[in-house]
Amino acid sequence: MKAIRMSEPGGPDVLVLEDVPDLQPGPGEVVVDLKAAALNRRDVFVRKGVAKVPLPLTPGSDGAGVVSAIGDGVKGVAEGDEVIILPSLAWGDDQRAPGPHFRILGGPDQGTYAQQIVIAAENVYPRPGRLSWHEAAALPLAGLTAWRALFSRARVQPGETVLVIGIGGGVATFAMHLAKAAGCKVVVTSSSDEKLAKAAALGADVGVNYATAGDEWAAAVKEANGGGVDVVIDSVGSTWAGSVDSCAPGGRVVVFGGTGGAKVEMMVRPMTLGQVSLLGTTMGSPMEFGQLLAAVDTQSWVPVIDSVRPLADAAAAHEREEAGLHFGKLVLECS
């Protein structure tokens, strides 16, 4: 089979298409012939060495395909099943937080930028019937992250207002769809008027260009929205202070990334006087993935696909992801 391999950290050119041996399942495992895989910002961090993982590695956390082989002891999965992959590995039994063996598919474990993957049978779920292969592959990591952020951590309620920072990324677009489906008003920010227009066409109620607003972007959010928001979904990190300032009294800020930097400096009093909660999260549990898939089956939105490329063009997809030019998910065709 063919797979994208990286033997050293670096730029997109370290992602090389290679011939590797076909995979065989061990006990409790299945082999999935992948139809499609999708990129996440985490893949860029893995490629650049920001996320330290053993090398050589096949990156990639998201994928969907057909089960082609089954290991001993596997029940409930059959050859020929069309499946979507849960990239949250060894979460554990505590829904509050992952256990000590938790990891994300695609580093250290071999990932989905390949024609095949071997994975624990408990990590494959039936592909949502109304999603295409590309849409199904785009869903897992970002969709699960958005689901946990909104429903398990923020506990959003119908009628609340949700602010999504940096619309265009995978988690942000999923958060917008899921919040709208939950009966919430959605405010989005971006430095691109084009991305704000695309978000509006998909249902966003209010858009704010933070590049135009500058340091006053939180005030611009309140002015455009007619007041503070109830929930903020923040993957940037350096925006925490503004996210808190955007909140109505008693607001909740859910944070799960640091694309804007690993350190944050902020004032204490806006959080304490506003009774604002700061909630950390990452990925999600198998239970939450099941909840997400059940919601997808009953709702009408579909994952936003920015573009689709052949597996051999993974480096070009990484260039677009890293530059932040995309709106929605970047997908690789594996078969």
C-alpha atoms as a PDB file:
ATOM      1  CA  MET A   1       0.000   0.000   0.000  1.00  0.00           C
ATOM      2  CA  LYS A   2       0.957   3.653  -0.188  1.00  0.00           C
ATOM      3  CA  ALA A   3       1.240   6.019   2.758  1.00  0.00           C
ATOM      4  CA  ILE A   4       2.533   9.497   3.505  1.00  0.00           C
ATOM      5  CA  ARG A   5       5.569   9.175   5.744  1.00  0.00           C
ATOM      6  CA  MET A   6       7.671  11.740   7.593  1.00  0.00           C
ATOM      7  CA  SER A   7      11.099  10.819   8.948  1.00  0.00           C
ATOM      8  CA  GLU A   8      12.030  14.211  10.365  1.00  0.00           C
ATOM      9  CA  PRO A   9      10.230  17.384  11.417  1.00  0.00           C
ATOM     10  CA  GLY A  10      10.156  20.290   9.009  1.00  0.00           C
ATOM     11  CA  GLY A  11       8.207  21.947   6.232  1.00  0.00           C
ATOM     12  CA  PRO A  12       5.578  20.335   4.042  1.00  0.00           C
ATOM     13  CA  ASP A  13       8.303  18.738   1.907  1.00  0.00           C
ATOM     14  CA  VAL A  14       9.045  16.205   4.693  1.00  0.00           C
ATOM     15  CA  LEU A  15       5.729  14.510   3.807  1.00  0.00           C
ATOM     16  CA  VAL A  16       6.694  11.809   1.286  1.00  0.00           C
ATOM     17  CA  LEU A  17       4.487   9.238  -0.442  1.00  0.00           C
ATOM     18  CA  GLU A  18       6.063   5.797   0.045  1.00  0.00           C
ATOM     19  CA  ASP A  19       5.281   2.125  -0.563  1.00  0.00           C
ATOM     20  CA  VAL A  20       4.853   0.316   2.751  1.00  0.00           C
ATOM     21  CA  PRO A  21       3.770  -3.244   3.599  1.00  0.00           C
ATOM     22  CA  ASP A  22       0.068  -4.045   3.716  1.00  0.00           C
ATOM     23  CA  LEU A  23      -1.278  -4.126   7.256  1.00  0.00           C
ATOM     24  CA  GLN A  24      -2.476  -7.104   9.287  1.00  0.00           C
ATOM     25  CA  PRO A  25      -4.798  -6.821  12.308  1.00  0.00           C
ATOM     26  CA  GLY A  26      -3.794  -8.037  15.729  1.00  0.00           C
ATOM     27  CA  PRO A  27      -6.213  -9.313  18.379  1.00  0.00           C
ATOM     28  CA  GLY A  28      -9.063  -6.845  18.855  1.00  0.00           C
ATOM     29  CA  GLU A  29      -8.035  -4.849  15.782  1.00  0.00           C
ATOM     30  CA  VAL A  30      -9.365  -4.259  12.282  1.00  0.00           C
ATOM     31  CA  VAL A  31      -7.810  -3.078   9.049  1.00  0.00           C
ATOM     32  CA  VAL A  32      -9.687  -0.264   7.291  1.00  0.00           C
ATOM     33  CA  ASP A  33      -9.117   0.448   3.607  1.00  0.00           C
ATOM     34  CA  LEU A  34      -9.368   4.211   3.738  1.00  0.00           C
ATOM     35  CA  LYS A  35     -11.450   6.101   1.210  1.00  0.00           C
ATOM     36  CA  ALA A  36     -10.510   9.543   2.528  1.00  0.00           C
ATOM     37  CA  ALA A  37      -8.570  11.298   5.276  1.00  0.00           C
ATOM     38  CA  ALA A  38      -8.693  14.897   6.488  1.00  0.00           C
ATOM     39  CA  LEU A  39      -6.284  17.455   7.922  1.00  0.00           C
ATOM     40  CA  ASN A  40      -6.312  19.145  11.296  1.00  0.00           C
ATOM     41  CA  ARG A  41      -4.161  21.921  12.702  1.00  0.00           C
ATOM     42  CA  ARG A  42      -2.614  19.295  14.956  1.00  0.00           C
ATOM     43  CA  ASP A  43      -1.101  17.660  11.860  1.00  0.00           C
ATOM     44  CA  VAL A  44       0.888  20.836  11.193  1.00  0.00           C
ATOM     45  CA  PHE A  45       2.170  20.849  14.779  1.00  0.00           C
ATOM     46  CA  VAL A  46       3.182  17.177  14.450  1.00  0.00           C
ATOM     47  CA  ARG A  47       4.939  17.814  11.134  1.00  0.00           C
ATOM     48  CA  LYS A  48       6.881  20.800  12.504  1.00  0.00           C
ATOM     49  CA  GLY A  49       7.934  18.965  15.661  1.00  0.00           C
ATOM     50  CA  VAL A  50       5.892  21.159  18.004  1.00  0.00           C
ATOM     51  CA  ALA A  51       4.039  18.020  19.080  1.00  0.00           C
ATOM     52  CA  LYS A  52       6.804  15.556  19.914  1.00  0.00           C
ATOM     53  CA  VAL A  53       6.112  12.086  18.470  1.00  0.00           C
ATOM     54  CA  PRO A  54       8.303   9.110  17.510  1.00  0.00           C
ATOM     55  CA  LEU A  55       9.444   9.064  13.887  1.00  0.00           C
ATOM     56  CA  PRO A  56       9.058   7.819  11.200  1.00  0.00           C
ATOM     57  CA  LEU A  57       5.322   8.419  11.238  1.00  0.00           C
ATOM     58  CA  THR A  58       2.248   8.362   9.035  1.00  0.00           C
ATOM     59  CA  PRO A  59       0.329  11.477  10.208  1.00  0.00           C
ATOM     60  CA  GLY A  60      -3.414  12.009  10.243  1.00  0.00           C
ATOM     61  CA  SER A  61      -6.222  11.686  12.767  1.00  0.00           C
ATOM     62  CA  ASP A  62      -9.325  11.688  10.560  1.00  0.00           C
ATOM     63  CA  GLY A  63     -10.492   8.990   8.196  1.00  0.00           C
ATOM     64  CA  ALA A  64     -13.321   6.872   6.809  1.00  0.00           C
ATOM     65  CA  GLY A  65     -13.298   3.666   4.808  1.00  0.00           C
ATOM     66  CA  VAL A  66     -14.229  -0.006   4.514  1.00  0.00           C
ATOM     67  CA  VAL A  67     -13.211  -2.774   6.919  1.00  0.00           C
ATOM     68  CA  SER A  68     -11.071  -5.278   4.992  1.00  0.00           C
ATOM     69  CA  ALA A  69      -9.678  -7.578   7.719  1.00  0.00           C
ATOM     70  CA  ILE A  70     -10.600  -8.486  11.285  1.00  0.00           C
ATOM     71  CA  GLY A  71      -8.384  -9.719  14.110  1.00  0.00           C
ATOM     72  CA  ASP A  72      -9.133 -12.373  16.686  1.00  0.00           C
ATOM     73  CA  GLY A  73     -11.743 -11.556  19.283  1.00  0.00           C
ATOM     74  CA  VAL A  74     -13.460  -8.778  17.358  1.00  0.00           C
ATOM     75  CA  LYS A  75     -17.240  -8.662  17.666  1.00  0.00           C
ATOM     76  CA  GLY A  76     -19.790  -6.315  16.164  1.00  0.00           C
ATOM     77  CA  VAL A  77     -17.668  -5.431  13.120  1.00  0.00           C
ATOM     78  CA  ALA A  78     -17.679  -7.294   9.815  1.00  0.00           C
ATOM     79  CA  GLU A  79     -15.602  -7.185   6.660  1.00  0.00           C
ATOM     80  CA  GLY A  80     -17.214  -4.775   4.220  1.00  0.00           C
ATOM     81  CA  ASP A  81     -18.586  -2.458   6.904  1.00  0.00           C
ATOM     82  CA  GLU A  82     -18.383   1.216   5.978  1.00  0.00           C
ATOM     83  CA  VAL A  83     -16.894   2.987   8.981  1.00  0.00           C
ATOM     84  CA  ILE A  84     -15.727   6.294  10.390  1.00  0.00           C
ATOM     85  CA  ILE A  85     -12.745   6.363  12.746  1.00  0.00           C
ATOM     86  CA  LEU A  86     -12.722   7.758  16.289  1.00  0.00           C
ATOM     87  CA  PRO A  87      -9.256   9.321  16.734  1.00  0.00           C
ATOM     88  CA  SER A  88      -9.565   9.588  20.530  1.00  0.00           C
ATOM     89  CA  LEU A  89      -7.558   6.598  21.795  1.00  0.00           C
ATOM     90  CA  ALA A  90      -7.728   5.112  25.302  1.00  0.00           C
ATOM     91  CA  TRP A  91      -9.861   7.901  26.773  1.00  0.00           C
ATOM     92  CA  GLY A  92     -10.693   5.868  29.870  1.00  0.00           C
ATOM     93  CA  ASP A  93     -13.791   5.604  32.039  1.00  0.00           C
ATOM     94  CA  ASP A  94     -13.975   9.150  33.414  1.00  0.00           C
ATOM     95  CA  GLN A  95     -16.093  11.482  31.284  1.00  0.00           C
ATOM     96  CA  ARG A  96     -14.598  14.527  33.029  1.00  0.00           C
ATOM     97  CA  ALA A  97     -11.128  14.091  31.500  1.00  0.00           C
ATOM     98  CA  PRO A  98      -9.045  11.523  29.597  1.00  0.00           C
ATOM     99  CA  GLY A  99      -6.983   8.961  31.461  1.00  0.00           C
ATOM    100  CA  PRO A 100      -3.196   8.581  31.636  1.00  0.00           C
ATOM    101  CA  HIS A 101      -2.952   6.491  28.451  1.00  0.00           C
ATOM    102  CA  PHE A 102      -4.974   8.884  26.298  1.00  0.00           C
ATOM    103  CA  ARG A 103      -3.505   9.847  22.952  1.00  0.00           C
ATOM    104  CA  ILE A 104      -4.688  11.123  19.585  1.00  0.00           C
ATOM    105  CA  LEU A 105      -4.406   9.066  16.418  1.00  0.00           C
ATOM    106  CA  GLY A 106      -1.637  10.214  14.088  1.00  0.00           C
ATOM    107  CA  GLY A 107       1.215  10.558  16.561  1.00  0.00           C
ATOM    108  CA  PRO A 108       2.450   8.507  18.315  1.00  0.00           C
ATOM    109  CA  ASP A 109       0.141   5.935  16.661  1.00  0.00           C
ATOM    110  CA  GLN A 110       0.334   5.603  12.881  1.00  0.00           C
ATOM    111  CA  GLY A 111      -2.362   7.725  11.253  1.00  0.00           C
ATOM    112  CA  THR A 112      -4.720   8.064   8.330  1.00  0.00           C
ATOM    113  CA  TYR A 113      -2.645   9.595   5.508  1.00  0.00           C
ATOM    114  CA  ALA A 114      -2.552   6.158   3.915  1.00  0.00           C
ATOM    115  CA  GLN A 115      -4.488   3.626   1.909  1.00  0.00           C
ATOM    116  CA  GLN A 116      -4.920   1.463   5.025  1.00  0.00           C
ATOM    117  CA  ILE A 117      -4.908   1.780   8.781  1.00  0.00           C
ATOM    118  CA  VAL A 118      -4.959  -0.829  11.533  1.00  0.00           C
ATOM    119  CA  ILE A 119      -6.854   0.277  14.612  1.00  0.00           C
ATOM    120  CA  ALA A 120      -8.696  -1.109  17.629  1.00  0.00           C
ATOM    121  CA  ALA A 121     -12.154  -2.322  16.625  1.00  0.00           C
ATOM    122  CA  GLU A 122     -13.680  -0.171  19.373  1.00  0.00           C
ATOM    123  CA  ASN A 123     -12.531   2.903  17.439  1.00  0.00           C
ATOM    124  CA  VAL A 124     -14.594   2.259  14.306  1.00  0.00           C
ATOM    125  CA  TYR A 125     -18.232   3.349  14.055  1.00  0.00           C
ATOM    126  CA  PRO A 126     -20.773   3.026  11.233  1.00  0.00           C
ATOM    127  CA  ARG A 127     -20.356   5.802   8.674  1.00  0.00           C
ATOM    128  CA  PRO A 128     -23.277   8.274   8.887  1.00  0.00           C
ATOM    129  CA  GLY A 129     -25.411   7.270   5.915  1.00  0.00           C
ATOM    130  CA  ARG A 130     -26.159  10.781   4.689  1.00  0.00           C
ATOM    131  CA  LEU A 131     -22.500  11.869   4.561  1.00  0.00           C
ATOM    132  CA  SER A 132     -20.229  11.315   1.585  1.00  0.00           C
ATOM    133  CA  TRP A 133     -16.834   9.708   2.104  1.00  0.00           C
ATOM    134  CA  HIS A 134     -15.196  13.140   2.055  1.00  0.00           C
ATOM    135  CA  GLU A 135     -17.684  14.555   4.575  1.00  0.00           C
ATOM    136  CA  ALA A 136     -17.380  11.533   6.863  1.00  0.00           C
ATOM    137  CA  ALA A 137     -13.580  11.724   6.849  1.00  0.00           C
ATOM    138  CA  ALA A 138     -13.763  15.418   7.742  1.00  0.00           C
ATOM    139  CA  LEU A 139     -15.940  14.904  10.804  1.00  0.00           C
ATOM    140  CA  PRO A 140     -14.143  13.042  13.628  1.00  0.00           C
ATOM    141  CA  LEU A 141     -11.504  15.147  15.408  1.00  0.00           C
ATOM    142  CA  ALA A 142     -12.905  18.617  14.783  1.00  0.00           C
ATOM    143  CA  GLY A 143     -16.523  17.549  15.119  1.00  0.00           C
ATOM    144  CA  LEU A 144     -15.879  15.738  18.395  1.00  0.00           C
ATOM    145  CA  THR A 145     -13.872  18.672  19.763  1.00  0.00           C
ATOM    146  CA  ALA A 146     -16.702  21.076  18.933  1.00  0.00           C
ATOM    147  CA  TRP A 147     -19.330  18.753  20.406  1.00  0.00           C
ATOM    148  CA  ARG A 148     -17.563  18.372  23.754  1.00  0.00           C
ATOM    149  CA  ALA A 149     -16.779  22.094  23.922  1.00  0.00           C
ATOM    150  CA  LEU A 150     -20.396  23.104  23.350  1.00  0.00           C
ATOM    151  CA  PHE A 151     -22.407  20.444  25.132  1.00  0.00           C
ATOM    152  CA  SER A 152     -20.239  18.730  27.754  1.00  0.00           C
ATOM    153  CA  ARG A 153     -18.217  21.745  28.854  1.00  0.00           C
ATOM    154  CA  ALA A 154     -20.238  24.886  28.067  1.00  0.00           C
ATOM    155  CA  ARG A 155     -23.615  23.097  28.372  1.00  0.00           C
ATOM    156  CA  VAL A 156     -25.196  25.443  25.849  1.00  0.00           C
ATOM    157  CA  GLN A 157     -28.947  25.935  25.946  1.00  0.00           C
ATOM    158  CA  PRO A 158     -31.406  26.936  23.213  1.00  0.00           C
ATOM    159  CA  GLY A 159     -31.669  30.706  22.923  1.00  0.00           C
ATOM    160  CA  GLU A 160     -28.119  31.389  24.114  1.00  0.00           C
ATOM    161  CA  THR A 161     -25.566  33.286  22.032  1.00  0.00           C
ATOM    162  CA  VAL A 162     -22.348  31.505  21.056  1.00  0.00           C
ATOM    163  CA  LEU A 163     -19.244  33.350  19.830  1.00  0.00           C
ATOM    164  CA  VAL A 164     -16.924  31.285  17.609  1.00  0.00           C
ATOM    165  CA  ILE A 165     -13.434  32.781  17.295  1.00  0.00           C
ATOM    166  CA  GLY A 166     -11.699  32.481  13.902  1.00  0.00           C
ATOM    167  CA  ILE A 167     -14.370  31.060  11.642  1.00  0.00           C
ATOM    168  CA  GLY A 168     -13.006  28.998   8.779  1.00  0.00           C
ATOM    169  CA  GLY A 169     -11.114  26.329  10.701  1.00  0.00           C
ATOM    170  CA  GLY A 170     -12.535  22.861  11.131  1.00  0.00           C
ATOM    171  CA  VAL A 171     -13.621  23.063  14.776  1.00  0.00           C
ATOM    172  CA  ALA A 172     -15.013  26.557  14.245  1.00  0.00           C
ATOM    173  CA  THR A 173     -17.233  25.535  11.330  1.00  0.00           C
ATOM    174  CA  PHE A 174     -18.504  22.496  13.230  1.00  0.00           C
ATOM    175  CA  ALA A 175     -19.187  24.619  16.316  1.00  0.00           C
ATOM    176  CA  MET A 176     -21.195  27.040  14.180  1.00  0.00           C
ATOM    177  CA  HIS A 177     -23.322  24.224  12.694  1.00  0.00           C
ATOM    178  CA  LEU A 178     -23.876  22.454  16.019  1.00  0.00           C
ATOM    179  CA  ALA A 179     -24.738  25.646  17.905  1.00  0.00           C
ATOM    180  CA  LYS A 180     -27.260  26.671  15.243  1.00  0.00           C
ATOM    181  CA  ALA A 181     -28.819  23.207  15.316  1.00  0.00           C
ATOM    182  CA  ALA A 182     -29.118  23.534  19.104  1.00  0.00           C
ATOM    183  CA  GLY A 183     -31.193  26.699  18.735  1.00  0.00           C
ATOM    184  CA  CYS A 184     -28.441  29.201  19.534  1.00  0.00           C
ATOM    185  CA  LYS A 185     -27.581  32.536  17.992  1.00  0.00           C
ATOM    186  CA  VAL A 186     -24.060  32.398  16.532  1.00  0.00           C
ATOM    187  CA  VAL A 187     -21.539  35.238  16.300  1.00  0.00           C
ATOM    188  CA  VAL A 188     -18.311  34.616  14.376  1.00  0.00           C
ATOM    189  CA  THR A 189     -15.039  36.484  13.979  1.00  0.00           C
ATOM    190  CA  SER A 190     -12.445  36.444  11.213  1.00  0.00           C
ATOM    191  CA  SER A 191      -9.821  38.703   9.660  1.00  0.00           C
ATOM    192  CA  SER A 192     -11.407  37.962   6.267  1.00  0.00           C
ATOM    193  CA  ASP A 193     -14.632  39.540   5.023  1.00  0.00           C
ATOM    194  CA  GLU A 194     -14.869  36.681   2.525  1.00  0.00           C
ATOM    195  CA  LYS A 195     -14.888  34.102   5.339  1.00  0.00           C
ATOM    196  CA  LEU A 196     -17.464  36.140   7.258  1.00  0.00           C
ATOM    197  CA  ALA A 197     -19.681  36.164   4.161  1.00  0.00           C
ATOM    198  CA  LYS A 198     -19.332  32.390   3.769  1.00  0.00           C
ATOM    199  CA  ALA A 199     -20.242  31.914   7.437  1.00  0.00           C
ATOM    200  CA  ALA A 200     -23.311  34.115   7.025  1.00  0.00           C
ATOM    201  CA  ALA A 201     -24.419  32.020   4.047  1.00  0.00           C
ATOM    202  CA  LEU A 202     -24.148  28.933   6.271  1.00  0.00           C
ATOM    203  CA  GLY A 203     -26.265  30.465   9.034  1.00  0.00           C
ATOM    204  CA  ALA A 204     -24.043  32.666  11.211  1.00  0.00           C
ATOM    205  CA  ASP A 205     -26.128  35.518  12.628  1.00  0.00           C
ATOM    206  CA  VAL A 206     -23.401  38.123  13.244  1.00  0.00           C
ATOM    207  CA  GLY A 207     -19.882  38.543  11.853  1.00  0.00           C
ATOM    208  CA  VAL A 208     -17.057  40.733  13.157  1.00  0.00           C
ATOM    209  CA  ASN A 209     -13.768  41.412  11.352  1.00  0.00           C
ATOM    210  CA  TYR A 210     -11.206  41.438  14.159  1.00  0.00           C
ATOM    211  CA  ALA A 211      -8.506  42.819  11.868  1.00  0.00           C
ATOM    212  CA  THR A 212     -10.621  45.898  11.256  1.00  0.00           C
ATOM    213  CA  ALA A 213     -11.608  46.196  14.918  1.00  0.00           C
ATOM    214  CA  GLY A 214      -8.036  45.726  16.187  1.00  0.00           C
ATOM    215  CA  ASP A 215      -7.573  45.639  19.963  1.00  0.00           C
ATOM    216  CA  GLU A 216     -11.224  46.623  20.394  1.00  0.00           C
ATOM    217  CA  TRP A 217     -12.576  43.467  18.786  1.00  0.00           C
ATOM    218  CA  ALA A 218     -14.372  42.355  21.964  1.00  0.00           C
ATOM    219  CA  ALA A 219     -16.185  45.683  22.122  1.00  0.00           C
ATOM    220  CA  ALA A 220     -16.994  45.311  18.418  1.00  0.00           C
ATOM    221  CA  VAL A 221     -18.519  41.895  19.133  1.00  0.00           C
ATOM    222  CA  LYS A 222     -20.728  43.355  21.864  1.00  0.00           C
ATOM    223  CA  GLU A 223     -21.789  46.259  19.670  1.00  0.00           C
ATOM    224  CA  ALA A 224     -22.609  44.054  16.678  1.00  0.00           C
ATOM    225  CA  ASN A 225     -24.414  41.526  18.867  1.00  0.00           C
ATOM    226  CA  GLY A 226     -26.280  44.051  20.990  1.00  0.00           C
ATOM    227  CA  GLY A 227     -24.588  42.854  24.178  1.00  0.00           C
ATOM    228  CA  GLY A 228     -22.301  40.180  25.565  1.00  0.00           C
ATOM    229  CA  VAL A 229     -22.393  36.536  24.556  1.00  0.00           C
ATOM    230  CA  ASP A 230     -23.174  33.511  26.721  1.00  0.00           C
ATOM    231  CA  VAL A 231     -20.503  31.144  25.392  1.00  0.00           C
ATOM    232  CA  VAL A 232     -17.181  31.631  23.597  1.00  0.00           C
ATOM    233  CA  ILE A 233     -15.457  28.839  21.651  1.00  0.00           C
ATOM    234  CA  ASP A 234     -11.767  29.819  21.545  1.00  0.00           C
ATOM    235  CA  SER A 235      -9.007  27.818  19.842  1.00  0.00           C
ATOM    236  CA  VAL A 236      -6.505  30.687  19.606  1.00  0.00           C
ATOM    237  CA  GLY A 237      -5.249  31.100  23.170  1.00  0.00           C
ATOM    238  CA  SER A 238      -3.884  34.614  22.860  1.00  0.00           C
ATOM    239  CA  THR A 239      -7.499  35.806  22.585  1.00  0.00           C
ATOM    240  CA  TRP A 240      -8.564  34.648  26.058  1.00  0.00           C
ATOM    241  CA  ALA A 241      -8.697  38.164  27.502  1.00  0.00           C
ATOM    242  CA  GLY A 242     -10.889  39.389  24.657  1.00  0.00           C
ATOM    243  CA  SER A 243     -13.053  36.292  24.909  1.00  0.00           C
ATOM    244  CA  VAL A 244     -13.710  37.041  28.590  1.00  0.00           C
ATOM    245  CA  ASP A 245     -14.445  40.688  27.745  1.00  0.00           C
ATOM    246  CA  SER A 246     -16.955  39.530  25.109  1.00  0.00           C
ATOM    247  CA  CYS A 247     -19.055  37.675  27.666  1.00  0.00           C
ATOM    248  CA  ALA A 248     -22.286  38.684  29.299  1.00  0.00           C
ATOM    249  CA  PRO A 249     -22.318  38.237  33.084  1.00  0.00           C
ATOM    250  CA  GLY A 250     -21.983  34.541  33.895  1.00  0.00           C
ATOM    251  CA  GLY A 251     -20.566  33.681  30.475  1.00  0.00           C
ATOM    252  CA  ARG A 252     -18.480  30.613  29.742  1.00  0.00           C
ATOM    253  CA  VAL A 253     -15.271  30.587  27.691  1.00  0.00           C
ATOM    254  CA  VAL A 254     -14.250  27.151  26.397  1.00  0.00           C
ATOM    255  CA  VAL A 255     -10.623  26.879  25.272  1.00  0.00           C
ATOM    256  CA  PHE A 256      -8.954  23.990  23.471  1.00  0.00           C
ATOM    257  CA  GLY A 257      -6.036  25.298  21.412  1.00  0.00           C
ATOM    258  CA  GLY A 258      -3.132  27.675  21.180  1.00  0.00           C
ATOM    259  CA  THR A 259      -2.779  28.596  17.535  1.00  0.00           C
ATOM    260  CA  GLY A 260      -2.002  32.161  18.618  1.00  0.00           C
ATOM    261  CA  GLY A 261       0.701  31.144  21.093  1.00  0.00           C
ATOM    262  CA  ALA A 262       1.361  28.935  24.101  1.00  0.00           C
ATOM    263  CA  LYS A 263       1.235  31.697  26.749  1.00  0.00           C
ATOM    264  CA  VAL A 264      -1.598  34.033  27.723  1.00  0.00           C
ATOM    265  CA  GLU A 265      -1.588  37.197  29.834  1.00  0.00           C
ATOM    266  CA  MET A 266      -4.894  38.564  31.066  1.00  0.00           C
ATOM    267  CA  MET A 267      -6.463  40.636  33.815  1.00  0.00           C
ATOM    268  CA  VAL A 268      -8.191  38.878  36.691  1.00  0.00           C
ATOM    269  CA  ARG A 269     -10.973  41.357  37.501  1.00  0.00           C
ATOM    270  CA  PRO A 270     -12.982  41.072  34.244  1.00  0.00           C
ATOM    271  CA  MET A 271     -13.342  37.359  34.934  1.00  0.00           C
ATOM    272  CA  THR A 272     -14.141  37.634  38.633  1.00  0.00           C
ATOM    273  CA  LEU A 273     -16.465  40.642  38.399  1.00  0.00           C
ATOM    274  CA  GLY A 274     -18.227  39.138  35.386  1.00  0.00           C
ATOM    275  CA  GLN A 275     -18.532  35.708  37.032  1.00  0.00           C
ATOM    276  CA  VAL A 276     -17.041  34.241  33.839  1.00  0.00           C
ATOM    277  CA  SER A 277     -16.009  30.580  33.719  1.00  0.00           C
ATOM    278  CA  LEU A 278     -12.879  29.494  31.822  1.00  0.00           C
ATOM    279  CA  LEU A 279     -13.219  25.860  30.746  1.00  0.00           C
ATOM    280  CA  GLY A 280     -10.468  23.758  29.203  1.00  0.00           C
ATOM    281  CA  THR A 281     -11.153  20.852  26.887  1.00  0.00           C
ATOM    282  CA  THR A 282      -9.576  18.606  24.288  1.00  0.00           C
ATOM    283  CA  MET A 283     -11.052  16.041  21.921  1.00  0.00           C
ATOM    284  CA  GLY A 284     -13.773  13.904  23.528  1.00  0.00           C
ATOM    285  CA  SER A 285     -14.793  10.462  24.728  1.00  0.00           C
ATOM    286  CA  PRO A 286     -16.323   7.510  22.847  1.00  0.00           C
ATOM    287  CA  MET A 287     -19.661   8.332  24.488  1.00  0.00           C
ATOM    288  CA  GLU A 288     -19.514  11.883  23.126  1.00  0.00           C
ATOM    289  CA  PHE A 289     -18.547  10.602  19.677  1.00  0.00           C
ATOM    290  CA  GLY A 290     -21.663   8.446  19.713  1.00  0.00           C
ATOM    291  CA  GLN A 291     -23.714  11.489  20.677  1.00  0.00           C
ATOM    292  CA  LEU A 292     -22.187  13.482  17.807  1.00  0.00           C
ATOM    293  CA  LEU A 293     -22.953  10.755  15.271  1.00  0.00           C
ATOM    294  CA  ALA A 294     -26.540  10.488  16.527  1.00  0.00           C
ATOM    295  CA  ALA A 295     -26.942  14.245  16.080  1.00  0.00           C
ATOM    296  CA  VAL A 296     -25.479  14.093  12.568  1.00  0.00           C
ATOM    297  CA  ASP A 297     -28.055  11.447  11.646  1.00  0.00           C
ATOM    298  CA  THR A 298     -30.955  13.721  12.625  1.00  0.00           C
ATOM    299  CA  GLN A 299     -29.683  17.177  11.596  1.00  0.00           C
ATOM    300  CA  SER A 300     -29.412  18.678   8.110  1.00  0.00           C
ATOM    301  CA  TRP A 301     -25.977  20.341   8.040  1.00  0.00           C
ATOM    302  CA  VAL A 302     -22.930  18.704   6.480  1.00  0.00           C
ATOM    303  CA  PRO A 303     -19.219  19.236   7.129  1.00  0.00           C
ATOM    304  CA  VAL A 304     -17.793  22.109   5.100  1.00  0.00           C
ATOM    305  CA  ILE A 305     -15.153  20.864   2.662  1.00  0.00           C
ATOM    306  CA  ASP A 306     -12.600  23.432   1.555  1.00  0.00           C
ATOM    307  CA  SER A 307     -10.914  21.243  -1.069  1.00  0.00           C
ATOM    308  CA  VAL A 308     -10.039  17.650  -1.951  1.00  0.00           C
ATOM    309  CA  ARG A 309      -6.625  16.436  -3.114  1.00  0.00           C
ATOM    310  CA  PRO A 310      -5.036  13.070  -3.896  1.00  0.00           C
ATOM    311  CA  LEU A 311      -2.988  11.499  -1.121  1.00  0.00           C
ATOM    312  CA  ALA A 312       0.227  12.354  -2.976  1.00  0.00           C
ATOM    313  CA  ASP A 313      -0.569  16.064  -2.597  1.00  0.00           C
ATOM    314  CA  ALA A 314      -0.569  16.042   1.220  1.00  0.00           C
ATOM    315  CA  ALA A 315       2.235  18.626   1.250  1.00  0.00           C
ATOM    316  CA  ALA A 316       0.134  21.114  -0.750  1.00  0.00           C
ATOM    317  CA  ALA A 317      -2.778  20.567   1.629  1.00  0.00           C
ATOM    318  CA  HIS A 318      -0.461  21.296   4.576  1.00  0.00           C
ATOM    319  CA  GLU A 319       0.676  24.527   2.954  1.00  0.00           C
ATOM    320  CA  ARG A 320      -2.924  25.692   2.684  1.00  0.00           C
ATOM    321  CA  GLU A 321      -3.768  24.594   6.234  1.00  0.00           C
ATOM    322  CA  GLU A 322      -0.741  26.320   7.729  1.00  0.00           C
ATOM    323  CA  ALA A 323      -1.392  29.536   5.793  1.00  0.00           C
ATOM    324  CA  GLY A 324      -4.959  29.667   7.132  1.00  0.00           C
ATOM    325  CA  LEU A 325      -6.394  30.116   3.642  1.00  0.00           C
ATOM    326  CA  HIS A 326      -8.984  27.376   3.975  1.00  0.00           C
ATOM    327  CA  PHE A 327     -12.648  27.566   4.917  1.00  0.00           C
ATOM    328  CA  GLY A 328     -13.709  24.195   6.232  1.00  0.00           C
ATOM    329  CA  LYS A 329     -11.804  20.928   6.046  1.00  0.00           C
ATOM    330  CA  LEU A 330      -8.993  19.899   3.707  1.00  0.00           C
ATOM    331  CA  VAL A 331      -9.495  16.313   2.531  1.00  0.00           C
ATOM    332  CA  LEU A 332      -7.164  13.716   0.989  1.00  0.00           C
ATOM    333  CA  GLU A 333      -8.444  10.919  -1.254  1.00  0.00           C
ATOM    334  CA  CYS A 334      -6.796   7.671  -0.150  1.00  0.00           C
ATOM    335  CA  SER A 335      -8.192   5.009  -2.490  1.00  0.00           C
END
